[in-house]
C-alpha atoms as a PDB file:
ATOM      1  CA  MET A   1      95.832 127.513 223.161  1.00  0.00           C
ATOM      2  CA  LYS A   2      93.874 126.866 219.998  1.00  0.00           C
ATOM      3  CA  HIS A   3      95.416 123.409 219.764  1.00  0.00           C
ATOM      4  CA  GLN A   4      94.134 122.402 223.162  1.00  0.00           C
ATOM      5  CA  ILE A   5      90.524 123.164 222.235  1.00  0.00           C
ATOM      6  CA  VAL A   6      90.664 121.557 218.794  1.00  0.00           C
ATOM      7  CA  VAL A   7      92.358 118.322 219.828  1.00  0.00           C
ATOM      8  CA  PRO A   8      89.748 117.283 222.431  1.00  0.00           C
ATOM      9  CA  ALA A   9      86.964 118.190 219.980  1.00  0.00           C
ATOM     10  CA  LEU A  10      88.442 115.991 217.282  1.00  0.00           C
ATOM     11  CA  PHE A  11      88.945 113.187 219.757  1.00  0.00           C
ATOM     12  CA  ALA A  12      85.323 113.379 220.894  1.00  0.00           C
ATOM     13  CA  LEU A  13      84.134 113.508 217.292  1.00  0.00           C
ATOM     14  CA  THR A  14      85.934 110.321 216.348  1.00  0.00           C
ATOM     15  CA  ILE A  15      84.583 108.500 219.393  1.00  0.00           C
ATOM     16  CA  LEU A  16      80.991 109.513 218.708  1.00  0.00           C
ATOM     17  CA  SER A  17      81.088 108.687 215.003  1.00  0.00           C
ATOM     18  CA  SER A  18      82.383 105.219 215.655  1.00  0.00           C
ATOM     19  CA  SER A  19      79.783 104.375 218.315  1.00  0.00           C
ATOM     20  CA  PRO A  20      77.109 101.875 217.203  1.00  0.00           C
ATOM     21  CA  THR A  21      74.234 103.762 218.897  1.00  0.00           C
ATOM     22  CA  LEU A  22      74.903 106.896 216.866  1.00  0.00           C
ATOM     23  CA  ALA A  23      74.937 104.930 213.661  1.00  0.00           C
ATOM     24  CA  ALA A  24      71.629 103.300 214.579  1.00  0.00           C
ATOM     25  CA  SER A  25      70.038 106.605 215.452  1.00  0.00           C
ATOM     26  CA  LYS A  26      71.014 108.103 212.082  1.00  0.00           C
ATOM     27  CA  GLY A  27      68.877 105.502 210.363  1.00  0.00           C
ATOM     28  CA  ALA A  28      66.046 106.035 212.844  1.00  0.00           C
ATOM     29  CA  ARG A  29      65.746 109.757 212.214  1.00  0.00           C
ATOM     30  CA  PRO A  30      63.185 109.554 209.398  1.00  0.00           C
ATOM     31  CA  THR A  31      60.931 107.308 211.456  1.00  0.00           C
ATOM     32  CA  LEU A  32      61.183 109.656 214.432  1.00  0.00           C
ATOM     33  CA  ARG A  33      60.237 112.573 212.207  1.00  0.00           C
ATOM     34  CA  ALA A  34      57.272 110.648 210.878  1.00  0.00           C
ATOM     35  CA  GLU A  35      56.187 109.734 214.399  1.00  0.00           C
ATOM     36  CA  ARG A  36      56.493 113.337 215.556  1.00  0.00           C
ATOM     37  CA  GLN A  37      54.528 114.548 212.542  1.00  0.00           C
ATOM     38  CA  GLU A  38      51.838 111.965 213.244  1.00  0.00           C
ATOM     39  CA  LEU A  39      51.648 113.068 216.875  1.00  0.00           C
ATOM     40  CA  ARG A  40      51.317 116.715 215.798  1.00  0.00           C
ATOM     41  CA  GLU A  41      48.483 115.855 213.419  1.00  0.00           C
ATOM     42  CA  THR A  42      46.582 113.872 216.053  1.00  0.00           C
ATOM     43  CA  ARG A  43      47.018 116.690 218.566  1.00  0.00           C
ATOM     44  CA  LYS A  44      45.812 119.170 215.970  1.00  0.00           C
ATOM     45  CA  ALA A  45      42.740 117.037 215.171  1.00  0.00           C
ATOM     46  CA  THR A  46      41.991 116.589 218.867  1.00  0.00           C
ATOM     47  CA  THR A  47      42.386 120.320 219.434  1.00  0.00           C
ATOM     48  CA  THR A  48      40.041 121.085 216.530  1.00  0.00           C
ATOM     49  CA  GLU A  49      37.394 118.729 217.940  1.00  0.00           C
ATOM     50  CA  THR A  50      37.825 120.242 221.392  1.00  0.00           C
ATOM     51  CA  LYS A  51      37.437 123.751 219.993  1.00  0.00           C
ATOM     52  CA  LEU A  52      34.337 122.703 218.064  1.00  0.00           C
ATOM     53  CA  GLU A  53      32.761 121.250 221.193  1.00  0.00           C
ATOM     54  CA  ALA A  54      33.665 124.369 223.184  1.00  0.00           C
ATOM     55  CA  ASN A  55      32.110 126.591 220.496  1.00  0.00           C
ATOM     56  CA  ARG A  56      28.959 124.463 220.523  1.00  0.00           C
ATOM     57  CA  ARG A  57      28.668 124.578 224.312  1.00  0.00           C
ATOM     58  CA  ARG A  58      29.249 128.333 224.357  1.00  0.00           C
ATOM     59  CA  ALA A  59      26.682 129.000 221.629  1.00  0.00           C
ATOM     60  CA  LEU A  60      24.118 126.708 223.245  1.00  0.00           C
ATOM     61  CA  SER A  61      24.511 128.215 226.699  1.00  0.00           C
ATOM     62  CA  MET A  62      24.349 131.771 225.359  1.00  0.00           C
ATOM     63  CA  ASN A  63      21.249 131.140 223.260  1.00  0.00           C
ATOM     64  CA  ASN A  64      19.524 129.068 225.941  1.00  0.00           C
ATOM     65  CA  GLY A  65      20.106 132.005 228.274  1.00  0.00           C
ATOM     66  CA  LEU A  66      18.420 134.245 225.706  1.00  0.00           C
ATOM     67  CA  ILE A  67      15.464 131.872 225.495  1.00  0.00           C
ATOM     68  CA  ASN A  68      15.122 131.880 229.283  1.00  0.00           C
ATOM     69  CA  SER A  69      15.256 135.668 229.428  1.00  0.00           C
ATOM     70  CA  PHE A  70      12.648 135.960 226.658  1.00  0.00           C
ATOM     71  CA  GLU A  71      10.323 133.614 228.529  1.00  0.00           C
ATOM     72  CA  LYS A  72      10.799 135.487 231.815  1.00  0.00           C
ATOM     73  CA  ARG A  73      10.070 138.797 230.116  1.00  0.00           C
ATOM     74  CA  LEU A  74       6.926 137.335 228.598  1.00  0.00           C
ATOM     75  CA  GLU A  75       5.747 136.139 232.004  1.00  0.00           C
ATOM     76  CA  SER A  76       6.310 139.576 233.509  1.00  0.00           C
ATOM     77  CA  LEU A  77       4.434 141.198 230.621  1.00  0.00           C
ATOM     78  CA  LYS A  78       1.531 138.796 231.151  1.00  0.00           C
ATOM     79  CA  SER A  79       1.436 139.706 234.836  1.00  0.00           C
ATOM     80  CA  TYR A  80       1.370 143.395 233.854  1.00  0.00           C
ATOM     81  CA  GLN A  81      -1.476 142.635 231.489  1.00  0.00           C
ATOM     82  CA  SER A  82      -3.479 140.990 234.258  1.00  0.00           C
ATOM     83  CA  ARG A  83      -2.874 144.006 236.531  1.00  0.00           C
ATOM     84  CA  ILE A  84      -3.940 146.389 233.775  1.00  0.00           C
ATOM     85  CA  GLN A  85      -7.025 144.258 233.107  1.00  0.00           C
ATOM     86  CA  THR A  86      -8.064 144.413 236.792  1.00  0.00           C
ATOM     87  CA  ARG A  87      -7.502 148.163 236.777  1.00  0.00           C
ATOM     88  CA  LEU A  88      -9.642 148.428 233.667  1.00  0.00           C
ATOM     89  CA  THR A  89     -12.485 146.440 235.198  1.00  0.00           C
ATOM     90  CA  THR A  90     -12.439 148.444 238.445  1.00  0.00           C
ATOM     91  CA  LYS A  91     -12.420 151.710 236.545  1.00  0.00           C
ATOM     92  CA  ALA A  92     -15.157 150.450 234.200  1.00  0.00           C
ATOM     93  CA  GLY A  93     -17.359 149.910 237.238  1.00  0.00           C
ATOM     94  CA  LYS A  94     -16.904 153.568 238.188  1.00  0.00           C
ATOM     95  CA  ILE A  95     -17.113 155.419 234.872  1.00  0.00           C
ATOM     96  CA  GLY A  96     -18.689 152.911 232.459  1.00  0.00           C
ATOM     97  CA  THR A  97     -17.381 150.662 229.723  1.00  0.00           C
ATOM     98  CA  ASP A  98     -17.993 153.012 226.789  1.00  0.00           C
ATOM     99  CA  LYS A  99     -15.144 155.334 227.723  1.00  0.00           C
ATOM    100  CA  LEU A 100     -12.759 152.438 228.233  1.00  0.00           C
ATOM    101  CA  LYS A 101     -13.562 150.667 224.943  1.00  0.00           C
ATOM    102  CA  PRO A 102     -10.302 151.787 223.202  1.00  0.00           C
ATOM    103  CA  ALA A 103      -8.228 150.482 226.102  1.00  0.00           C
ATOM    104  CA  GLN A 104     -10.076 147.162 226.033  1.00  0.00           C
ATOM    105  CA  ASP A 105      -9.513 146.918 222.283  1.00  0.00           C
ATOM    106  CA  LYS A 106      -5.780 147.463 222.838  1.00  0.00           C
ATOM    107  CA  LEU A 107      -5.695 144.693 225.428  1.00  0.00           C
ATOM    108  CA  ASP A 108      -7.631 142.408 223.091  1.00  0.00           C
ATOM    109  CA  SER A 109      -5.079 142.994 220.324  1.00  0.00           C
ATOM    110  CA  LEU A 110      -2.415 141.412 222.535  1.00  0.00           C
ATOM    111  CA  THR A 111      -3.560 137.897 221.624  1.00  0.00           C
ATOM    112  CA  ALA A 112      -2.289 138.365 218.074  1.00  0.00           C
ATOM    113  CA  LEU A 113       1.008 139.715 219.406  1.00  0.00           C
ATOM    114  CA  TYR A 114       1.347 136.743 221.767  1.00  0.00           C
ATOM    115  CA  SER A 115       0.803 134.287 218.920  1.00  0.00           C
ATOM    116  CA  THR A 116       3.414 136.101 216.808  1.00  0.00           C
ATOM    117  CA  PHE A 117       5.831 135.943 219.717  1.00  0.00           C
ATOM    118  CA  ASP A 118       5.180 132.230 220.224  1.00  0.00           C
ATOM    119  CA  SER A 119       5.813 131.402 216.570  1.00  0.00           C
ATOM    120  CA  ASP A 120       8.987 133.501 216.429  1.00  0.00           C
ATOM    121  CA  LEU A 121      10.263 131.963 219.664  1.00  0.00           C
ATOM    122  CA  ALA A 122       9.592 128.461 218.291  1.00  0.00           C
ATOM    123  CA  THR A 123      11.598 129.351 215.179  1.00  0.00           C
ATOM    124  CA  PHE A 124      14.442 130.622 217.354  1.00  0.00           C
ATOM    125  CA  LYS A 125      14.386 127.466 219.506  1.00  0.00           C
ATOM    126  CA  THR A 126      14.546 125.296 216.386  1.00  0.00           C
ATOM    127  CA  ALA A 127      17.574 127.228 215.168  1.00  0.00           C
ATOM    128  CA  VAL A 128      19.230 126.857 218.583  1.00  0.00           C
ATOM    129  CA  ASP A 129      18.630 123.105 218.498  1.00  0.00           C
ATOM    130  CA  GLY A 130      20.475 123.033 215.164  1.00  0.00           C
ATOM    131  CA  ILE A 131      23.677 124.139 216.896  1.00  0.00           C
ATOM    132  CA  SER A 132      24.267 120.723 218.455  1.00  0.00           C
ATOM    133  CA  SER A 133      24.460 119.045 215.043  1.00  0.00           C
ATOM    134  CA  SER A 134      26.285 121.849 213.246  1.00  0.00           C
ATOM    135  CA  THR A 135      29.855 121.458 212.069  1.00  0.00           C
ATOM    136  CA  ASP A 136      30.457 125.194 212.383  1.00  0.00           C
ATOM    137  CA  PRO A 137      28.385 126.784 215.162  1.00  0.00           C
ATOM    138  CA  LYS A 138      30.003 130.176 214.633  1.00  0.00           C
ATOM    139  CA  ALA A 139      28.499 130.338 211.139  1.00  0.00           C
ATOM    140  CA  LEU A 140      24.988 130.115 212.625  1.00  0.00           C
ATOM    141  CA  GLN A 141      25.479 133.089 214.942  1.00  0.00           C
ATOM    142  CA  SER A 142      24.383 135.750 212.447  1.00  0.00           C
ATOM    143  CA  ASP A 143      21.170 133.849 211.702  1.00  0.00           C
ATOM    144  CA  LEU A 144      20.531 133.340 215.412  1.00  0.00           C
ATOM    145  CA  LYS A 145      21.121 137.034 216.119  1.00  0.00           C
ATOM    146  CA  ALA A 146      18.589 138.013 213.476  1.00  0.00           C
ATOM    147  CA  LYS A 147      15.987 135.628 214.888  1.00  0.00           C
ATOM    148  CA  ALA A 148      16.670 136.822 218.439  1.00  0.00           C
ATOM    149  CA  LYS A 149      16.142 140.413 217.301  1.00  0.00           C
ATOM    150  CA  VAL A 150      12.755 139.454 215.860  1.00  0.00           C
ATOM    151  CA  VAL A 151      11.717 137.831 219.153  1.00  0.00           C
ATOM    152  CA  ASN A 152      12.964 140.850 221.089  1.00  0.00           C
ATOM    153  CA  GLN A 153      10.989 143.165 218.811  1.00  0.00           C
ATOM    154  CA  ASP A 154       7.862 141.082 219.482  1.00  0.00           C
ATOM    155  CA  LEU A 155       8.365 141.611 223.213  1.00  0.00           C
ATOM    156  CA  LYS A 156       8.819 145.338 222.647  1.00  0.00           C
ATOM    157  CA  ASN A 157       5.575 145.451 220.656  1.00  0.00           C
ATOM    158  CA  ILE A 158       3.724 143.693 223.481  1.00  0.00           C
ATOM    159  CA  ARG A 159       5.134 146.122 226.018  1.00  0.00           C
ATOM    160  CA  THR A 160       4.247 149.132 223.869  1.00  0.00           C
ATOM    161  CA  THR A 161       0.675 147.881 223.511  1.00  0.00           C
ATOM    162  CA  LEU A 162       0.401 147.414 227.286  1.00  0.00           C
ATOM    163  CA  VAL A 163       1.716 150.921 227.920  1.00  0.00           C
ATOM    164  CA  ASP A 164      -0.709 152.377 225.375  1.00  0.00           C
ATOM    165  CA  SER A 165      -3.676 150.600 226.944  1.00  0.00           C
ATOM    166  CA  LEU A 166      -2.629 151.834 230.396  1.00  0.00           C
ATOM    167  CA  ARG A 167      -2.437 155.408 229.054  1.00  0.00           C
ATOM    168  CA  LEU A 168      -5.915 155.072 227.635  1.00  0.00           C
ATOM    169  CA  ILE A 169      -7.216 153.831 230.967  1.00  0.00           C
ATOM    170  CA  VAL A 170      -5.620 156.735 232.827  1.00  0.00           C
ATOM    171  CA  LYS A 171      -6.910 159.319 230.322  1.00  0.00           C
ATOM    172  CA  ALA A 172     -10.493 157.989 230.428  1.00  0.00           C
ATOM    173  CA  LYS A 173     -12.742 160.115 232.600  1.00  0.00           C
END
């Protein structure tokens, strides 16, 4: 039984080794390897560029979303300020302006906070614009996070000042 398996295998081996296509393909193996390696390298380079573009798009969309949310929050805080200002003027007509002077001073201090917010937001926007030309957008994320925290803190300071001025208006008698 062993002889039956070996004999056809030897016969097939001699036929294949004597065929001209097999001999030609033996010489072509190094060029095929080189072609495959070249294809792998081009795919790898294309994949790296695709990943870089995806990272840029992701970072830009995330940070542009932050910018939009910061601007919306600022608009809502400005509307709160206008409501508080109208409340202050109506109450000043009833009880007088002397008792509401601290609240008015708080509201007046908001202009400095708004200018700080505007400058910090401009710095953040400039950093976000740098993403599109960056070779490694992930490396900029820590810097962007720090600048976003500063802008967020500015918004918190504005809100705190508005709340304090509203408390002063309510406490005034």
